[in-house]
Each structure stands twice: as C-alpha cells, then as structure tokens.
Amino acid sequence: MSQIDNLPPLRDVIATHQLSAKKSLGQNFLLDLNLTAKIARQAGKLEEADVLEIGPGPGGLTRGLLSEGARRVLAIEKDERCLPALQQIADAYDGRLQVINADALEFDPLEYLTPPIKIAANLPYNVGTELLVRWLTPKEWPPFWESLTLMFQKEVAERIVAKPGSKAYGRLAILAQWRSDARIVIDLPPQAFTPPPKVSSAVVHLTALPEPRYPADAAVLSRVVAAAFNQRRKMLRASLKGVAPNIEDHLAAAGIKPTDRAEQIGLEEFCALARSVASQN
C-alpha cells in the first residue's frame, strides 16, 4: 500500500489513537489509501467543489478526497475518538478540511458549504439508507448537491440501481432513478475493510438531474410507491385501495393493469399513476 500523502499509514493512525471500529456506530474502516483515492476519483473533478463527507472515521476517504484536489472537505464525525486523527489531516492540508463533531442525521451542513457541492462518503451502515432518502427527497429540486458518491452494503446498492422485474426493485430504485442517474462504480469485498463486515459493499454514484425524469408530485408519488411496495405480493388494485377510492380508474388512466404487481411497474407508469391520483385532489 503506497502513500498518497506524507501522513502516517492508516493502520498506524488507528493504533496511535486506539480507534477500534464500533459496531454501534456502523463503523468499518477502509485502510487502503489507493482504494480510498480511487473512490474519491469516482466523484469527478473536485478542484472547484466543496465535498461533504459523512462518517470519515480515521480519515481514509478524507485523505483521498484532499489528495485528489478537493477545494474543501467538510467532514461530519459523530465519534469523538476520531477527532485527533482528523485534526492531523486538517493540519497537513492547509485549511482545506473542516471537521465537525455532530450526528449527520441532526446536523444541517449547508451554512458551511459553498456550491458546487458534492457528497462522498463511506456511509455508516446504520444510517446510510436514511441519509440517501433525505438527499433524494428535498422540498425543492434540483438539490444542494451535484452528485453523491456513496458506499453501501452491496444489497442496498443493488436496490438503488434495480430495474422492474427484479427482487431488488422497490421504493429506493424509484426515488433514486426519478431524479438522478445512478450506477454502481466499484464493488468491494469484505476483506477490504477492518474489521471485515459479513457482506460485500459497493460504491454508487448518483448525478442529480436538473429536473425529475417524468412529471409527478413528489409527495403523491412517494405515497403511491410506498403503498405499492409495502404489499408487493398483492395486485395493485388491492395494495393501492387505500390511496384512492377509485384506484382502478387511476390505474387504467396510467395504462396499468389492476392485476399487475408493484415490481412489474416502471418509473414512467408510477409517475403517470401519481399524476392521475393528484388530479382528483
């Protein structure tokens, strides 16, 4: 493992600061700095962007982002034990790194960031999906971010990019693909991490579209999709009966058979259904 900067190897950093990964925080550390730099490169050109990183831990991806030229990195770290290690990185990179000790689910980073903004993170497993859904469902679109380069459990990554007809296809695929281009860019085995998790991981890159792929009211689409996939084994005329009293009329208007099931329905049809439902309100 060659170095990407003049700071100590990550194994030494972890030993020095006694940073054993905490399961309660969903921590699994990537120690290969060549790999973290490779992940950083998936975020695209960083020289003219601020980067938001969630859960930097000992700073492997942080160093990758900075060494790849990020204009500035704002790292949100909940674990106080990691702060001294991150401060070392901040000192070495001439003020381009700002570290804030906070819970990412309760912290608004926007006052600390200047557009254009990218988000790049080896997300803690226990909050990754919730953060992604928040970033995909802001009140206004386009969002504050240009792109997301995020590591998930491979199962979650496959749900984000899934197509109709697959078991992985569901609400997460609809939310992601309605407003962004999403693709898996790197697969990672458990052995890449310390400690090795029980599952494989993958990095997903999502680029925000200037406007949604098909017109629909976000709240209505979300309600329709949630109801459809909450009972995905049922026919849509049954799973959606609580969405509207005349749901079969709306399904017909959207070109959907009432006997179809949620996993058979594409994004365009779900958006058409959401427009029909919204039109009666």
C-alpha atoms as a PDB file:
ATOM      1  CA  MET A   1       0.000   0.000   0.000  1.00  0.00           C
ATOM      2  CA  SER A   2       1.775   3.123  -1.199  1.00  0.00           C
ATOM      3  CA  GLN A   3       1.157   6.500   0.382  1.00  0.00           C
ATOM      4  CA  ILE A   4      -0.885   9.289  -1.195  1.00  0.00           C
ATOM      5  CA  ASP A   5       0.471  11.962   1.171  1.00  0.00           C
ATOM      6  CA  ASN A   6       3.060  12.431   3.910  1.00  0.00           C
ATOM      7  CA  LEU A   7       0.793  11.367   6.757  1.00  0.00           C
ATOM      8  CA  PRO A   8       1.183   8.008   8.545  1.00  0.00           C
ATOM      9  CA  PRO A   9      -0.432   4.822   7.175  1.00  0.00           C
ATOM     10  CA  LEU A  10      -3.959   4.334   8.424  1.00  0.00           C
ATOM     11  CA  ARG A  11      -3.061   1.219  10.434  1.00  0.00           C
ATOM     12  CA  ASP A  12      -0.609   3.374  12.404  1.00  0.00           C
ATOM     13  CA  VAL A  13      -3.222   6.103  12.850  1.00  0.00           C
ATOM     14  CA  ILE A  14      -5.737   3.596  14.200  1.00  0.00           C
ATOM     15  CA  ALA A  15      -3.160   2.108  16.563  1.00  0.00           C
ATOM     16  CA  THR A  16      -1.954   5.507  17.793  1.00  0.00           C
ATOM     17  CA  HIS A  17      -5.445   6.784  18.551  1.00  0.00           C
ATOM     18  CA  GLN A  18      -6.890   3.393  19.591  1.00  0.00           C
ATOM     19  CA  LEU A  19      -9.660   3.604  17.005  1.00  0.00           C
ATOM     20  CA  SER A  20     -11.156   0.140  17.082  1.00  0.00           C
ATOM     21  CA  ALA A  21     -14.308   0.189  14.941  1.00  0.00           C
ATOM     22  CA  LYS A  22     -17.534   0.400  16.921  1.00  0.00           C
ATOM     23  CA  LYS A  23     -20.376  -1.817  15.776  1.00  0.00           C
ATOM     24  CA  SER A  24     -22.874   0.523  17.448  1.00  0.00           C
ATOM     25  CA  LEU A  25     -21.787   3.283  15.056  1.00  0.00           C
ATOM     26  CA  GLY A  26     -21.850   1.036  11.992  1.00  0.00           C
ATOM     27  CA  GLN A  27     -18.094   1.509  11.520  1.00  0.00           C
ATOM     28  CA  ASN A  28     -15.955  -0.479   9.098  1.00  0.00           C
ATOM     29  CA  PHE A  29     -12.698   1.250   8.141  1.00  0.00           C
ATOM     30  CA  LEU A  30     -11.082   1.230   4.694  1.00  0.00           C
ATOM     31  CA  LEU A  31      -7.322   1.208   5.210  1.00  0.00           C
ATOM     32  CA  ASP A  32      -6.023   1.040   1.624  1.00  0.00           C
ATOM     33  CA  LEU A  33      -5.309   4.647   0.668  1.00  0.00           C
ATOM     34  CA  ASN A  34      -5.005   3.739  -3.008  1.00  0.00           C
ATOM     35  CA  LEU A  35      -8.551   2.416  -2.793  1.00  0.00           C
ATOM     36  CA  THR A  36      -9.894   5.487  -1.000  1.00  0.00           C
ATOM     37  CA  ALA A  37      -8.268   7.681  -3.661  1.00  0.00           C
ATOM     38  CA  LYS A  38      -9.927   5.538  -6.343  1.00  0.00           C
ATOM     39  CA  ILE A  39     -13.304   6.093  -4.674  1.00  0.00           C
ATOM     40  CA  ALA A  40     -12.627   9.824  -4.493  1.00  0.00           C
ATOM     41  CA  ARG A  41     -11.949   9.886  -8.231  1.00  0.00           C
ATOM     42  CA  GLN A  42     -15.421   8.477  -8.872  1.00  0.00           C
ATOM     43  CA  ALA A  43     -16.805  11.790  -7.599  1.00  0.00           C
ATOM     44  CA  GLY A  44     -15.400  13.529 -10.687  1.00  0.00           C
ATOM     45  CA  LYS A  45     -13.483  16.802 -10.798  1.00  0.00           C
ATOM     46  CA  LEU A  46     -13.068  18.049  -7.253  1.00  0.00           C
ATOM     47  CA  GLU A  47     -10.835  21.092  -7.686  1.00  0.00           C
ATOM     48  CA  GLU A  48     -13.750  23.525  -7.891  1.00  0.00           C
ATOM     49  CA  ALA A  49     -16.138  21.800  -5.483  1.00  0.00           C
ATOM     50  CA  ASP A  50     -16.836  21.601  -1.783  1.00  0.00           C
ATOM     51  CA  VAL A  51     -17.242  17.990  -0.643  1.00  0.00           C
ATOM     52  CA  LEU A  52     -19.447  16.854   2.233  1.00  0.00           C
ATOM     53  CA  GLU A  53     -18.228  13.650   3.875  1.00  0.00           C
ATOM     54  CA  ILE A  54     -20.247  11.761   6.490  1.00  0.00           C
ATOM     55  CA  GLY A  55     -18.518   9.455   8.969  1.00  0.00           C
ATOM     56  CA  PRO A  56     -14.861   9.888   7.968  1.00  0.00           C
ATOM     57  CA  GLY A  57     -13.576   7.719  10.841  1.00  0.00           C
ATOM     58  CA  PRO A  58      -9.757   7.780  10.789  1.00  0.00           C
ATOM     59  CA  GLY A  59      -9.836   9.728   7.514  1.00  0.00           C
ATOM     60  CA  GLY A  60      -9.018   7.308   4.703  1.00  0.00           C
ATOM     61  CA  LEU A  61     -11.540   8.693   2.221  1.00  0.00           C
ATOM     62  CA  THR A  62     -10.918  12.194   3.582  1.00  0.00           C
ATOM     63  CA  ARG A  63      -7.287  11.925   2.550  1.00  0.00           C
ATOM     64  CA  GLY A  64      -8.328  10.510  -0.809  1.00  0.00           C
ATOM     65  CA  LEU A  65     -10.625  13.468  -1.470  1.00  0.00           C
ATOM     66  CA  LEU A  66      -7.985  16.002  -0.456  1.00  0.00           C
ATOM     67  CA  SER A  67      -5.173  14.320  -2.381  1.00  0.00           C
ATOM     68  CA  GLU A  68      -7.413  14.266  -5.468  1.00  0.00           C
ATOM     69  CA  GLY A  69      -7.704  18.047  -5.220  1.00  0.00           C
ATOM     70  CA  ALA A  70     -10.996  18.784  -3.447  1.00  0.00           C
ATOM     71  CA  ARG A  71     -11.328  22.533  -2.972  1.00  0.00           C
ATOM     72  CA  ARG A  72     -12.623  21.915   0.524  1.00  0.00           C
ATOM     73  CA  VAL A  73     -13.931  18.974   2.562  1.00  0.00           C
ATOM     74  CA  LEU A  74     -16.475  19.276   5.356  1.00  0.00           C
ATOM     75  CA  ALA A  75     -16.330  16.081   7.415  1.00  0.00           C
ATOM     76  CA  ILE A  76     -19.127  15.289   9.886  1.00  0.00           C
ATOM     77  CA  GLU A  77     -17.955  12.786  12.504  1.00  0.00           C
ATOM     78  CA  LYS A  78     -20.051  11.585  15.439  1.00  0.00           C
ATOM     79  CA  ASP A  79     -17.256   9.598  17.123  1.00  0.00           C
ATOM     80  CA  GLU A  80     -15.136  11.923  19.265  1.00  0.00           C
ATOM     81  CA  ARG A  81     -12.297   9.386  19.300  1.00  0.00           C
ATOM     82  CA  CYS A  82     -11.623  10.128  15.626  1.00  0.00           C
ATOM     83  CA  LEU A  83     -11.246  13.897  16.025  1.00  0.00           C
ATOM     84  CA  PRO A  84      -7.490  13.986  16.849  1.00  0.00           C
ATOM     85  CA  ALA A  85      -6.672  11.843  13.797  1.00  0.00           C
ATOM     86  CA  LEU A  86      -8.820  14.075  11.593  1.00  0.00           C
ATOM     87  CA  GLN A  87      -7.169  17.170  13.045  1.00  0.00           C
ATOM     88  CA  GLN A  88      -3.810  15.812  11.886  1.00  0.00           C
ATOM     89  CA  ILE A  89      -5.185  15.686   8.354  1.00  0.00           C
ATOM     90  CA  ALA A  90      -6.589  19.209   8.639  1.00  0.00           C
ATOM     91  CA  ASP A  91      -3.179  20.490   9.756  1.00  0.00           C
ATOM     92  CA  ALA A  92      -1.465  18.768   6.820  1.00  0.00           C
ATOM     93  CA  TYR A  93      -3.844  20.099   4.164  1.00  0.00           C
ATOM     94  CA  ASP A  94      -3.642  23.864   4.787  1.00  0.00           C
ATOM     95  CA  GLY A  95      -7.148  24.568   5.986  1.00  0.00           C
ATOM     96  CA  ARG A  96      -8.951  22.630   3.237  1.00  0.00           C
ATOM     97  CA  LEU A  97     -10.529  20.272   5.779  1.00  0.00           C
ATOM     98  CA  GLN A  98     -13.120  21.312   8.355  1.00  0.00           C
ATOM     99  CA  VAL A  99     -14.232  18.679  10.860  1.00  0.00           C
ATOM    100  CA  ILE A 100     -17.449  18.994  12.856  1.00  0.00           C
ATOM    101  CA  ASN A 101     -18.325  16.636  15.708  1.00  0.00           C
ATOM    102  CA  ALA A 102     -22.028  16.034  15.100  1.00  0.00           C
ATOM    103  CA  ASP A 103     -24.686  13.477  14.236  1.00  0.00           C
ATOM    104  CA  ALA A 104     -25.283  13.719  10.482  1.00  0.00           C
ATOM    105  CA  LEU A 105     -28.985  12.971  10.982  1.00  0.00           C
ATOM    106  CA  GLU A 106     -29.363  16.053  13.160  1.00  0.00           C
ATOM    107  CA  PHE A 107     -26.947  18.483  11.505  1.00  0.00           C
ATOM    108  CA  ASP A 108     -27.546  20.966   8.659  1.00  0.00           C
ATOM    109  CA  PRO A 109     -24.250  21.386   6.771  1.00  0.00           C
ATOM    110  CA  LEU A 110     -25.408  23.973   4.238  1.00  0.00           C
ATOM    111  CA  GLU A 111     -24.151  27.060   6.075  1.00  0.00           C
ATOM    112  CA  TYR A 112     -20.643  25.574   5.950  1.00  0.00           C
ATOM    113  CA  LEU A 113     -20.611  24.754   2.219  1.00  0.00           C
ATOM    114  CA  THR A 114     -20.239  26.776  -0.962  1.00  0.00           C
ATOM    115  CA  PRO A 115     -21.669  25.460  -4.257  1.00  0.00           C
ATOM    116  CA  PRO A 116     -20.934  23.482  -6.277  1.00  0.00           C
ATOM    117  CA  ILE A 117     -21.265  20.729  -3.670  1.00  0.00           C
ATOM    118  CA  LYS A 118     -20.606  17.011  -3.957  1.00  0.00           C
ATOM    119  CA  ILE A 119     -21.239  14.385  -1.290  1.00  0.00           C
ATOM    120  CA  ALA A 120     -18.794  11.498  -0.904  1.00  0.00           C
ATOM    121  CA  ALA A 121     -18.876   9.042   1.975  1.00  0.00           C
ATOM    122  CA  ASN A 122     -18.261   5.541   3.213  1.00  0.00           C
ATOM    123  CA  LEU A 123     -21.604   5.789   4.964  1.00  0.00           C
ATOM    124  CA  PRO A 124     -22.046   4.104   8.349  1.00  0.00           C
ATOM    125  CA  TYR A 125     -24.251   1.086   7.626  1.00  0.00           C
ATOM    126  CA  ASN A 126     -26.825   2.027  10.235  1.00  0.00           C
ATOM    127  CA  VAL A 127     -27.715   5.464   8.754  1.00  0.00           C
ATOM    128  CA  GLY A 128     -26.799   5.137   5.079  1.00  0.00           C
ATOM    129  CA  THR A 129     -30.238   4.482   3.604  1.00  0.00           C
ATOM    130  CA  GLU A 130     -31.933   7.153   5.716  1.00  0.00           C
ATOM    131  CA  LEU A 131     -29.420   9.791   4.626  1.00  0.00           C
ATOM    132  CA  LEU A 132     -29.787   8.800   0.974  1.00  0.00           C
ATOM    133  CA  VAL A 133     -33.578   9.104   1.122  1.00  0.00           C
ATOM    134  CA  ARG A 134     -33.247  12.559   2.691  1.00  0.00           C
ATOM    135  CA  TRP A 135     -30.879  13.708  -0.049  1.00  0.00           C
ATOM    136  CA  LEU A 136     -33.221  12.371  -2.737  1.00  0.00           C
ATOM    137  CA  THR A 137     -36.383  13.957  -1.289  1.00  0.00           C
ATOM    138  CA  PRO A 138     -35.703  17.643  -0.546  1.00  0.00           C
ATOM    139  CA  LYS A 139     -38.585  20.130  -0.709  1.00  0.00           C
ATOM    140  CA  GLU A 140     -37.070  21.764  -3.783  1.00  0.00           C
ATOM    141  CA  TRP A 141     -35.306  20.286  -6.803  1.00  0.00           C
ATOM    142  CA  PRO A 142     -32.557  20.498  -8.010  1.00  0.00           C
ATOM    143  CA  PRO A 143     -30.970  19.747  -4.622  1.00  0.00           C
ATOM    144  CA  PHE A 144     -27.987  21.430  -2.989  1.00  0.00           C
ATOM    145  CA  TRP A 145     -25.706  18.630  -4.219  1.00  0.00           C
ATOM    146  CA  GLU A 146     -24.470  17.914  -7.735  1.00  0.00           C
ATOM    147  CA  SER A 147     -23.553  14.290  -7.132  1.00  0.00           C
ATOM    148  CA  LEU A 148     -23.438  11.578  -4.492  1.00  0.00           C
ATOM    149  CA  THR A 149     -20.598   9.049  -4.354  1.00  0.00           C
ATOM    150  CA  LEU A 150     -21.594   6.692  -1.571  1.00  0.00           C
ATOM    151  CA  MET A 151     -20.602   3.307  -0.235  1.00  0.00           C
ATOM    152  CA  PHE A 152     -23.331   0.926   0.877  1.00  0.00           C
ATOM    153  CA  GLN A 153     -23.818  -2.720   1.591  1.00  0.00           C
ATOM    154  CA  LYS A 154     -23.976  -4.291  -1.865  1.00  0.00           C
ATOM    155  CA  GLU A 155     -27.585  -5.325  -1.300  1.00  0.00           C
ATOM    156  CA  VAL A 156     -28.564  -1.673  -0.783  1.00  0.00           C
ATOM    157  CA  ALA A 157     -26.521  -0.552  -3.791  1.00  0.00           C
ATOM    158  CA  GLU A 158     -28.347  -3.085  -5.958  1.00  0.00           C
ATOM    159  CA  ARG A 159     -31.692  -1.781  -4.714  1.00  0.00           C
ATOM    160  CA  ILE A 160     -30.734   1.754  -5.795  1.00  0.00           C
ATOM    161  CA  VAL A 161     -29.992   0.757  -9.413  1.00  0.00           C
ATOM    162  CA  ALA A 162     -32.562  -2.072  -9.751  1.00  0.00           C
ATOM    163  CA  LYS A 163     -34.882  -2.331 -12.755  1.00  0.00           C
ATOM    164  CA  PRO A 164     -38.524  -3.501 -12.868  1.00  0.00           C
ATOM    165  CA  GLY A 165     -38.995  -7.248 -12.626  1.00  0.00           C
ATOM    166  CA  SER A 166     -36.145  -7.848 -10.184  1.00  0.00           C
ATOM    167  CA  LYS A 167     -36.483  -8.680  -6.496  1.00  0.00           C
ATOM    168  CA  ALA A 168     -34.252  -5.707  -5.620  1.00  0.00           C
ATOM    169  CA  TYR A 169     -36.602  -3.263  -7.390  1.00  0.00           C
ATOM    170  CA  GLY A 170     -38.605  -1.133  -4.996  1.00  0.00           C
ATOM    171  CA  ARG A 171     -39.110   2.273  -3.416  1.00  0.00           C
ATOM    172  CA  LEU A 172     -35.397   3.081  -3.263  1.00  0.00           C
ATOM    173  CA  ALA A 173     -34.970   2.470  -7.001  1.00  0.00           C
ATOM    174  CA  ILE A 174     -37.924   4.737  -7.796  1.00  0.00           C
ATOM    175  CA  LEU A 175     -36.683   7.559  -5.540  1.00  0.00           C
ATOM    176  CA  ALA A 176     -33.153   7.390  -6.922  1.00  0.00           C
ATOM    177  CA  GLN A 177     -33.947   6.976 -10.607  1.00  0.00           C
ATOM    178  CA  TRP A 178     -36.756   9.545 -10.732  1.00  0.00           C
ATOM    179  CA  ARG A 179     -34.389  12.425 -10.043  1.00  0.00           C
ATOM    180  CA  SER A 180     -30.876  11.124 -10.706  1.00  0.00           C
ATOM    181  CA  ASP A 181     -28.694   8.900 -12.828  1.00  0.00           C
ATOM    182  CA  ALA A 182     -27.499   6.087 -10.570  1.00  0.00           C
ATOM    183  CA  ARG A 183     -24.863   3.433 -11.254  1.00  0.00           C
ATOM    184  CA  ILE A 184     -22.604   1.106  -9.300  1.00  0.00           C
ATOM    185  CA  VAL A 185     -18.990   2.116  -9.944  1.00  0.00           C
ATOM    186  CA  ILE A 186     -16.923  -0.067  -7.564  1.00  0.00           C
ATOM    187  CA  ASP A 187     -17.517  -3.440  -5.867  1.00  0.00           C
ATOM    188  CA  LEU A 188     -15.673  -4.123  -2.625  1.00  0.00           C
ATOM    189  CA  PRO A 189     -15.208  -7.472  -0.840  1.00  0.00           C
ATOM    190  CA  PRO A 190     -15.449  -7.725   2.959  1.00  0.00           C
ATOM    191  CA  GLN A 191     -11.649  -8.163   3.129  1.00  0.00           C
ATOM    192  CA  ALA A 192     -11.164  -4.539   2.043  1.00  0.00           C
ATOM    193  CA  PHE A 193     -12.371  -3.369   5.471  1.00  0.00           C
ATOM    194  CA  THR A 194     -11.218  -3.503   9.063  1.00  0.00           C
ATOM    195  CA  PRO A 195     -12.996  -5.265  10.632  1.00  0.00           C
ATOM    196  CA  PRO A 196     -14.378  -7.192   7.627  1.00  0.00           C
ATOM    197  CA  PRO A 197     -18.191  -6.933   7.542  1.00  0.00           C
ATOM    198  CA  LYS A 198     -20.263 -10.040   6.852  1.00  0.00           C
ATOM    199  CA  VAL A 199     -21.422  -8.677   3.486  1.00  0.00           C
ATOM    200  CA  SER A 200     -19.880  -7.207   0.346  1.00  0.00           C
ATOM    201  CA  SER A 201     -20.072  -3.481  -0.337  1.00  0.00           C
ATOM    202  CA  ALA A 202     -20.387  -1.275  -3.399  1.00  0.00           C
ATOM    203  CA  VAL A 203     -19.911   2.375  -4.296  1.00  0.00           C
ATOM    204  CA  VAL A 204     -22.846   4.043  -6.048  1.00  0.00           C
ATOM    205  CA  HIS A 205     -22.501   7.289  -7.984  1.00  0.00           C
ATOM    206  CA  LEU A 206     -25.658   9.372  -8.397  1.00  0.00           C
ATOM    207  CA  THR A 207     -25.765  12.513 -10.526  1.00  0.00           C
ATOM    208  CA  ALA A 208     -28.656  14.904  -9.897  1.00  0.00           C
ATOM    209  CA  LEU A 209     -30.868  15.573 -12.917  1.00  0.00           C
ATOM    210  CA  PRO A 210     -31.853  19.215 -13.490  1.00  0.00           C
ATOM    211  CA  GLU A 211     -35.487  18.150 -13.172  1.00  0.00           C
ATOM    212  CA  PRO A 212     -37.273  14.845 -12.476  1.00  0.00           C
ATOM    213  CA  ARG A 213     -37.270  12.301 -15.300  1.00  0.00           C
ATOM    214  CA  TYR A 214     -41.101  12.399 -15.514  1.00  0.00           C
ATOM    215  CA  PRO A 215     -43.533  14.956 -14.044  1.00  0.00           C
ATOM    216  CA  ALA A 216     -45.210  13.990 -10.769  1.00  0.00           C
ATOM    217  CA  ASP A 217     -45.944  15.485  -7.366  1.00  0.00           C
ATOM    218  CA  ALA A 218     -43.186  14.220  -5.072  1.00  0.00           C
ATOM    219  CA  ALA A 219     -45.432  13.633  -2.057  1.00  0.00           C
ATOM    220  CA  VAL A 220     -48.097  11.787  -4.070  1.00  0.00           C
ATOM    221  CA  LEU A 221     -45.504   9.673  -5.903  1.00  0.00           C
ATOM    222  CA  SER A 222     -43.881   8.751  -2.611  1.00  0.00           C
ATOM    223  CA  ARG A 223     -47.257   7.767  -1.109  1.00  0.00           C
ATOM    224  CA  VAL A 224     -48.243   5.660  -4.134  1.00  0.00           C
ATOM    225  CA  VAL A 225     -44.893   3.879  -4.324  1.00  0.00           C
ATOM    226  CA  ALA A 226     -44.753   3.209  -0.569  1.00  0.00           C
ATOM    227  CA  ALA A 227     -48.244   1.688  -0.614  1.00  0.00           C
ATOM    228  CA  ALA A 228     -47.487  -0.419  -3.698  1.00  0.00           C
ATOM    229  CA  PHE A 229     -44.262  -1.907  -2.357  1.00  0.00           C
ATOM    230  CA  ASN A 230     -45.391  -2.299   1.247  1.00  0.00           C
ATOM    231  CA  GLN A 231     -47.559  -5.129  -0.052  1.00  0.00           C
ATOM    232  CA  ARG A 232     -45.555  -6.042  -3.118  1.00  0.00           C
ATOM    233  CA  ARG A 233     -47.008  -9.561  -3.382  1.00  0.00           C
ATOM    234  CA  LYS A 234     -50.530  -8.196  -3.793  1.00  0.00           C
ATOM    235  CA  MET A 235     -52.121  -6.992  -7.016  1.00  0.00           C
ATOM    236  CA  LEU A 236     -52.085  -3.201  -7.277  1.00  0.00           C
ATOM    237  CA  ARG A 237     -55.866  -2.892  -7.077  1.00  0.00           C
ATOM    238  CA  ALA A 238     -55.551  -4.366  -3.570  1.00  0.00           C
ATOM    239  CA  SER A 239     -52.298  -2.787  -2.364  1.00  0.00           C
ATOM    240  CA  LEU A 240     -53.354   0.690  -3.533  1.00  0.00           C
ATOM    241  CA  LYS A 241     -57.008   0.674  -2.477  1.00  0.00           C
ATOM    242  CA  GLY A 242     -56.174   2.976   0.435  1.00  0.00           C
ATOM    243  CA  VAL A 243     -54.565   5.555  -1.866  1.00  0.00           C
ATOM    244  CA  ALA A 244     -57.787   6.473  -3.704  1.00  0.00           C
ATOM    245  CA  PRO A 245     -61.341   5.061  -3.590  1.00  0.00           C
ATOM    246  CA  ASN A 246     -61.459   4.629  -7.378  1.00  0.00           C
ATOM    247  CA  ILE A 247     -57.931   3.272  -7.731  1.00  0.00           C
ATOM    248  CA  GLU A 248     -58.793   1.016 -10.670  1.00  0.00           C
ATOM    249  CA  ASP A 249     -59.785   4.088 -12.708  1.00  0.00           C
ATOM    250  CA  HIS A 250     -56.444   5.699 -11.924  1.00  0.00           C
ATOM    251  CA  LEU A 251     -54.562   2.525 -12.831  1.00  0.00           C
ATOM    252  CA  ALA A 252     -56.394   2.407 -16.165  1.00  0.00           C
ATOM    253  CA  ALA A 253     -55.605   6.073 -16.800  1.00  0.00           C
ATOM    254  CA  ALA A 254     -51.911   5.307 -16.269  1.00  0.00           C
ATOM    255  CA  GLY A 255     -52.018   2.283 -18.558  1.00  0.00           C
ATOM    256  CA  ILE A 256     -51.502  -0.159 -15.690  1.00  0.00           C
ATOM    257  CA  LYS A 257     -53.434  -3.418 -15.299  1.00  0.00           C
ATOM    258  CA  PRO A 258     -55.117  -3.636 -11.877  1.00  0.00           C
ATOM    259  CA  THR A 259     -53.846  -7.226 -11.619  1.00  0.00           C
ATOM    260  CA  ASP A 260     -50.205  -6.140 -12.008  1.00  0.00           C
ATOM    261  CA  ARG A 261     -47.876  -6.146  -9.019  1.00  0.00           C
ATOM    262  CA  ALA A 262     -45.583  -3.313  -7.959  1.00  0.00           C
ATOM    263  CA  GLU A 263     -42.329  -4.870  -9.154  1.00  0.00           C
ATOM    264  CA  GLN A 264     -43.711  -5.066 -12.711  1.00  0.00           C
ATOM    265  CA  ILE A 265     -44.341  -1.318 -12.983  1.00  0.00           C
ATOM    266  CA  GLY A 266     -41.744   1.059 -14.392  1.00  0.00           C
ATOM    267  CA  LEU A 267     -40.910   4.554 -13.200  1.00  0.00           C
ATOM    268  CA  GLU A 268     -42.815   6.278 -16.026  1.00  0.00           C
ATOM    269  CA  GLU A 269     -46.012   4.363 -15.194  1.00  0.00           C
ATOM    270  CA  PHE A 270     -45.702   5.124 -11.468  1.00  0.00           C
ATOM    271  CA  CYS A 271     -45.348   8.828 -12.299  1.00  0.00           C
ATOM    272  CA  ALA A 272     -48.429   8.661 -14.563  1.00  0.00           C
ATOM    273  CA  LEU A 273     -50.357   6.995 -11.745  1.00  0.00           C
ATOM    274  CA  ALA A 274     -49.238   9.671  -9.279  1.00  0.00           C
ATOM    275  CA  ARG A 275     -50.413  12.411 -11.677  1.00  0.00           C
ATOM    276  CA  SER A 276     -53.806  10.762 -12.037  1.00  0.00           C
ATOM    277  CA  VAL A 277     -54.227  10.389  -8.270  1.00  0.00           C
ATOM    278  CA  ALA A 278     -53.135  14.008  -7.718  1.00  0.00           C
ATOM    279  CA  SER A 279     -55.612  15.300 -10.298  1.00  0.00           C
ATOM    280  CA  GLN A 280     -58.604  14.325  -8.161  1.00  0.00           C
ATOM    281  CA  ASN A 281     -57.336  16.160  -5.081  1.00  0.00           C
END
